[in-house]
């Protein structure tokens, strides 16, 4: 099932498109992966991003939010409610904004690298 060299795994993941043809949609809803590509027929059933995207997003959003909160605290020392009003919604918005593309990127990488479940190798 070789990878099409003309299709960028990064672009197809970023735009939530099929990792093989970059034309078909990867998702039916917000995070619901479709059964197969409507353009090339690639079966998405064997791909599973699991918790990988959420872990990356926790690190990225945590770095941004905690770093920003520390800078704001040191610079102006605002009341705690200001931190809650700024950083709570920002953390939620960034998490929701990044989750779909990161899940698509993980699936695109699984396709590109022909990833499969771990196998035991007896030697």
C-alpha atoms as a PDB file:
ATOM      1  CA  UNK A   1       0.000   0.000   0.000  1.00  0.00           C
ATOM      2  CA  UNK A   2       2.853   2.488  -0.573  1.00  0.00           C
ATOM      3  CA  UNK A   3       2.715   6.120   0.304  1.00  0.00           C
ATOM      4  CA  UNK A   4       2.093   8.658  -2.444  1.00  0.00           C
ATOM      5  CA  UNK A   5       5.222  10.822  -2.441  1.00  0.00           C
ATOM      6  CA  UNK A   6       3.288  13.816  -3.795  1.00  0.00           C
ATOM      7  CA  UNK A   7       1.026  13.927  -0.735  1.00  0.00           C
ATOM      8  CA  UNK A   8       2.490  15.766   2.252  1.00  0.00           C
ATOM      9  CA  UNK A   9       1.602  14.051   5.531  1.00  0.00           C
ATOM     10  CA  UNK A  10       1.860  17.438   7.240  1.00  0.00           C
ATOM     11  CA  UNK A  11      -0.561  19.213   4.886  1.00  0.00           C
ATOM     12  CA  UNK A  12      -3.051  16.360   4.834  1.00  0.00           C
ATOM     13  CA  UNK A  13      -2.955  16.196   8.626  1.00  0.00           C
ATOM     14  CA  UNK A  14      -3.165  19.934   9.128  1.00  0.00           C
ATOM     15  CA  UNK A  15      -6.206  20.232   6.876  1.00  0.00           C
ATOM     16  CA  UNK A  16      -7.802  16.967   8.128  1.00  0.00           C
ATOM     17  CA  UNK A  17      -7.657  15.269   4.750  1.00  0.00           C
ATOM     18  CA  UNK A  18      -7.001  11.693   3.675  1.00  0.00           C
ATOM     19  CA  UNK A  19      -3.310  10.836   4.171  1.00  0.00           C
ATOM     20  CA  UNK A  20      -3.193   8.913   0.864  1.00  0.00           C
ATOM     21  CA  UNK A  21      -4.916  11.258  -1.605  1.00  0.00           C
ATOM     22  CA  UNK A  22      -5.255  14.518   0.414  1.00  0.00           C
ATOM     23  CA  UNK A  23      -8.729  14.968  -1.105  1.00  0.00           C
ATOM     24  CA  UNK A  24     -11.223  13.099   1.071  1.00  0.00           C
ATOM     25  CA  UNK A  25     -12.272  14.271   4.522  1.00  0.00           C
ATOM     26  CA  UNK A  26     -10.772  12.467   7.488  1.00  0.00           C
ATOM     27  CA  UNK A  27     -13.519  13.327   9.984  1.00  0.00           C
ATOM     28  CA  UNK A  28     -17.315  13.008   9.924  1.00  0.00           C
ATOM     29  CA  UNK A  29     -17.782  15.350  12.880  1.00  0.00           C
ATOM     30  CA  UNK A  30     -15.455  17.267  15.151  1.00  0.00           C
ATOM     31  CA  UNK A  31     -13.324  14.258  16.155  1.00  0.00           C
ATOM     32  CA  UNK A  32     -15.240  11.295  14.701  1.00  0.00           C
ATOM     33  CA  UNK A  33     -12.952   9.602  12.159  1.00  0.00           C
ATOM     34  CA  UNK A  34     -14.797   8.536   9.017  1.00  0.00           C
ATOM     35  CA  UNK A  35     -14.923   4.859   8.017  1.00  0.00           C
ATOM     36  CA  UNK A  36     -13.078   5.406   4.728  1.00  0.00           C
ATOM     37  CA  UNK A  37     -12.009   8.083   2.279  1.00  0.00           C
ATOM     38  CA  UNK A  38     -14.807   9.045  -0.100  1.00  0.00           C
ATOM     39  CA  UNK A  39     -12.240   9.785  -2.835  1.00  0.00           C
ATOM     40  CA  UNK A  40      -9.694   6.937  -2.822  1.00  0.00           C
ATOM     41  CA  UNK A  41     -11.413   4.411  -0.527  1.00  0.00           C
ATOM     42  CA  UNK A  42      -8.626   4.202   2.083  1.00  0.00           C
ATOM     43  CA  UNK A  43      -9.961   2.362   5.139  1.00  0.00           C
ATOM     44  CA  UNK A  44      -9.447   4.549   8.208  1.00  0.00           C
ATOM     45  CA  UNK A  45     -10.452   1.714  10.557  1.00  0.00           C
ATOM     46  CA  UNK A  46      -6.873   0.596  11.161  1.00  0.00           C
ATOM     47  CA  UNK A  47      -5.718   4.030  12.346  1.00  0.00           C
ATOM     48  CA  UNK A  48      -6.015   4.998  16.008  1.00  0.00           C
ATOM     49  CA  UNK A  49      -4.416   8.100  17.463  1.00  0.00           C
ATOM     50  CA  UNK A  50      -5.432   7.115  21.037  1.00  0.00           C
ATOM     51  CA  UNK A  51      -4.322   9.703  23.619  1.00  0.00           C
ATOM     52  CA  UNK A  52      -1.280  10.957  21.701  1.00  0.00           C
ATOM     53  CA  UNK A  53      -2.790  14.235  20.489  1.00  0.00           C
ATOM     54  CA  UNK A  54      -4.167  15.077  23.938  1.00  0.00           C
ATOM     55  CA  UNK A  55      -0.752  14.585  25.536  1.00  0.00           C
ATOM     56  CA  UNK A  56       0.976  16.882  23.051  1.00  0.00           C
ATOM     57  CA  UNK A  57      -1.743  19.498  23.460  1.00  0.00           C
ATOM     58  CA  UNK A  58      -1.507  19.395  27.258  1.00  0.00           C
ATOM     59  CA  UNK A  59       2.211  20.152  27.037  1.00  0.00           C
ATOM     60  CA  UNK A  60       1.832  22.902  24.427  1.00  0.00           C
ATOM     61  CA  UNK A  61      -1.180  24.635  25.977  1.00  0.00           C
ATOM     62  CA  UNK A  62       0.237  24.202  29.478  1.00  0.00           C
ATOM     63  CA  UNK A  63       3.490  25.853  28.429  1.00  0.00           C
ATOM     64  CA  UNK A  64       1.640  28.790  26.855  1.00  0.00           C
ATOM     65  CA  UNK A  65      -0.847  29.293  29.674  1.00  0.00           C
ATOM     66  CA  UNK A  66       1.527  28.809  32.601  1.00  0.00           C
ATOM     67  CA  UNK A  67       4.234  30.863  30.918  1.00  0.00           C
ATOM     68  CA  UNK A  68       1.796  33.665  30.152  1.00  0.00           C
ATOM     69  CA  UNK A  69       0.350  33.599  33.658  1.00  0.00           C
ATOM     70  CA  UNK A  70       3.825  33.802  35.192  1.00  0.00           C
ATOM     71  CA  UNK A  71       4.822  36.719  32.968  1.00  0.00           C
ATOM     72  CA  UNK A  72       1.594  38.566  33.764  1.00  0.00           C
ATOM     73  CA  UNK A  73       1.958  37.877  37.491  1.00  0.00           C
ATOM     74  CA  UNK A  74       5.531  39.111  37.652  1.00  0.00           C
ATOM     75  CA  UNK A  75       4.837  42.155  35.473  1.00  0.00           C
ATOM     76  CA  UNK A  76       1.585  43.464  36.980  1.00  0.00           C
ATOM     77  CA  UNK A  77       0.504  41.276  39.923  1.00  0.00           C
ATOM     78  CA  UNK A  78      -3.210  41.363  39.008  1.00  0.00           C
ATOM     79  CA  UNK A  79      -5.951  39.886  41.216  1.00  0.00           C
ATOM     80  CA  UNK A  80      -6.536  36.146  40.866  1.00  0.00           C
ATOM     81  CA  UNK A  81      -9.858  36.641  39.075  1.00  0.00           C
ATOM     82  CA  UNK A  82      -7.978  38.326  36.209  1.00  0.00           C
ATOM     83  CA  UNK A  83      -5.897  35.180  35.762  1.00  0.00           C
ATOM     84  CA  UNK A  84      -9.051  33.059  35.771  1.00  0.00           C
ATOM     85  CA  UNK A  85     -10.768  35.280  33.192  1.00  0.00           C
ATOM     86  CA  UNK A  86      -7.754  35.296  30.863  1.00  0.00           C
ATOM     87  CA  UNK A  87      -6.135  31.882  31.170  1.00  0.00           C
ATOM     88  CA  UNK A  88      -9.149  29.600  31.696  1.00  0.00           C
ATOM     89  CA  UNK A  89     -10.894  30.485  28.415  1.00  0.00           C
ATOM     90  CA  UNK A  90      -7.551  30.639  26.577  1.00  0.00           C
ATOM     91  CA  UNK A  91      -6.637  27.117  27.723  1.00  0.00           C
ATOM     92  CA  UNK A  92     -10.046  25.804  26.649  1.00  0.00           C
ATOM     93  CA  UNK A  93      -9.968  27.586  23.278  1.00  0.00           C
ATOM     94  CA  UNK A  94      -6.421  26.487  22.441  1.00  0.00           C
ATOM     95  CA  UNK A  95      -7.170  22.898  23.430  1.00  0.00           C
ATOM     96  CA  UNK A  96     -10.264  22.717  21.254  1.00  0.00           C
ATOM     97  CA  UNK A  97      -8.549  24.493  18.379  1.00  0.00           C
ATOM     98  CA  UNK A  98      -5.515  22.197  18.352  1.00  0.00           C
ATOM     99  CA  UNK A  99      -7.126  18.824  19.073  1.00  0.00           C
ATOM    100  CA  UNK A 100      -8.537  18.102  15.612  1.00  0.00           C
ATOM    101  CA  UNK A 101      -5.375  18.964  13.598  1.00  0.00           C
ATOM    102  CA  UNK A 102      -3.155  17.062  16.024  1.00  0.00           C
ATOM    103  CA  UNK A 103      -5.367  13.973  15.783  1.00  0.00           C
ATOM    104  CA  UNK A 104      -5.259  14.225  11.993  1.00  0.00           C
ATOM    105  CA  UNK A 105      -1.476  14.645  12.062  1.00  0.00           C
ATOM    106  CA  UNK A 106      -1.095  11.514  14.189  1.00  0.00           C
ATOM    107  CA  UNK A 107      -3.238   9.533  11.763  1.00  0.00           C
ATOM    108  CA  UNK A 108      -1.275  10.900   8.789  1.00  0.00           C
ATOM    109  CA  UNK A 109       1.983   9.864  10.469  1.00  0.00           C
ATOM    110  CA  UNK A 110       0.606   6.392  11.140  1.00  0.00           C
ATOM    111  CA  UNK A 111      -0.193   6.069   7.440  1.00  0.00           C
ATOM    112  CA  UNK A 112       3.141   7.508   6.286  1.00  0.00           C
ATOM    113  CA  UNK A 113       5.158   5.175   8.511  1.00  0.00           C
ATOM    114  CA  UNK A 114       2.888   2.172   7.959  1.00  0.00           C
ATOM    115  CA  UNK A 115       2.521   1.940  11.746  1.00  0.00           C
ATOM    116  CA  UNK A 116       0.821  -1.074  13.290  1.00  0.00           C
ATOM    117  CA  UNK A 117       0.202  -2.443  16.760  1.00  0.00           C
ATOM    118  CA  UNK A 118       3.299  -3.543  18.611  1.00  0.00           C
ATOM    119  CA  UNK A 119       4.512  -6.998  17.709  1.00  0.00           C
ATOM    120  CA  UNK A 120       6.679  -9.305  19.720  1.00  0.00           C
ATOM    121  CA  UNK A 121       9.827 -10.358  17.929  1.00  0.00           C
ATOM    122  CA  UNK A 122      11.242 -13.692  19.123  1.00  0.00           C
ATOM    123  CA  UNK A 123      14.920 -14.012  18.553  1.00  0.00           C
END
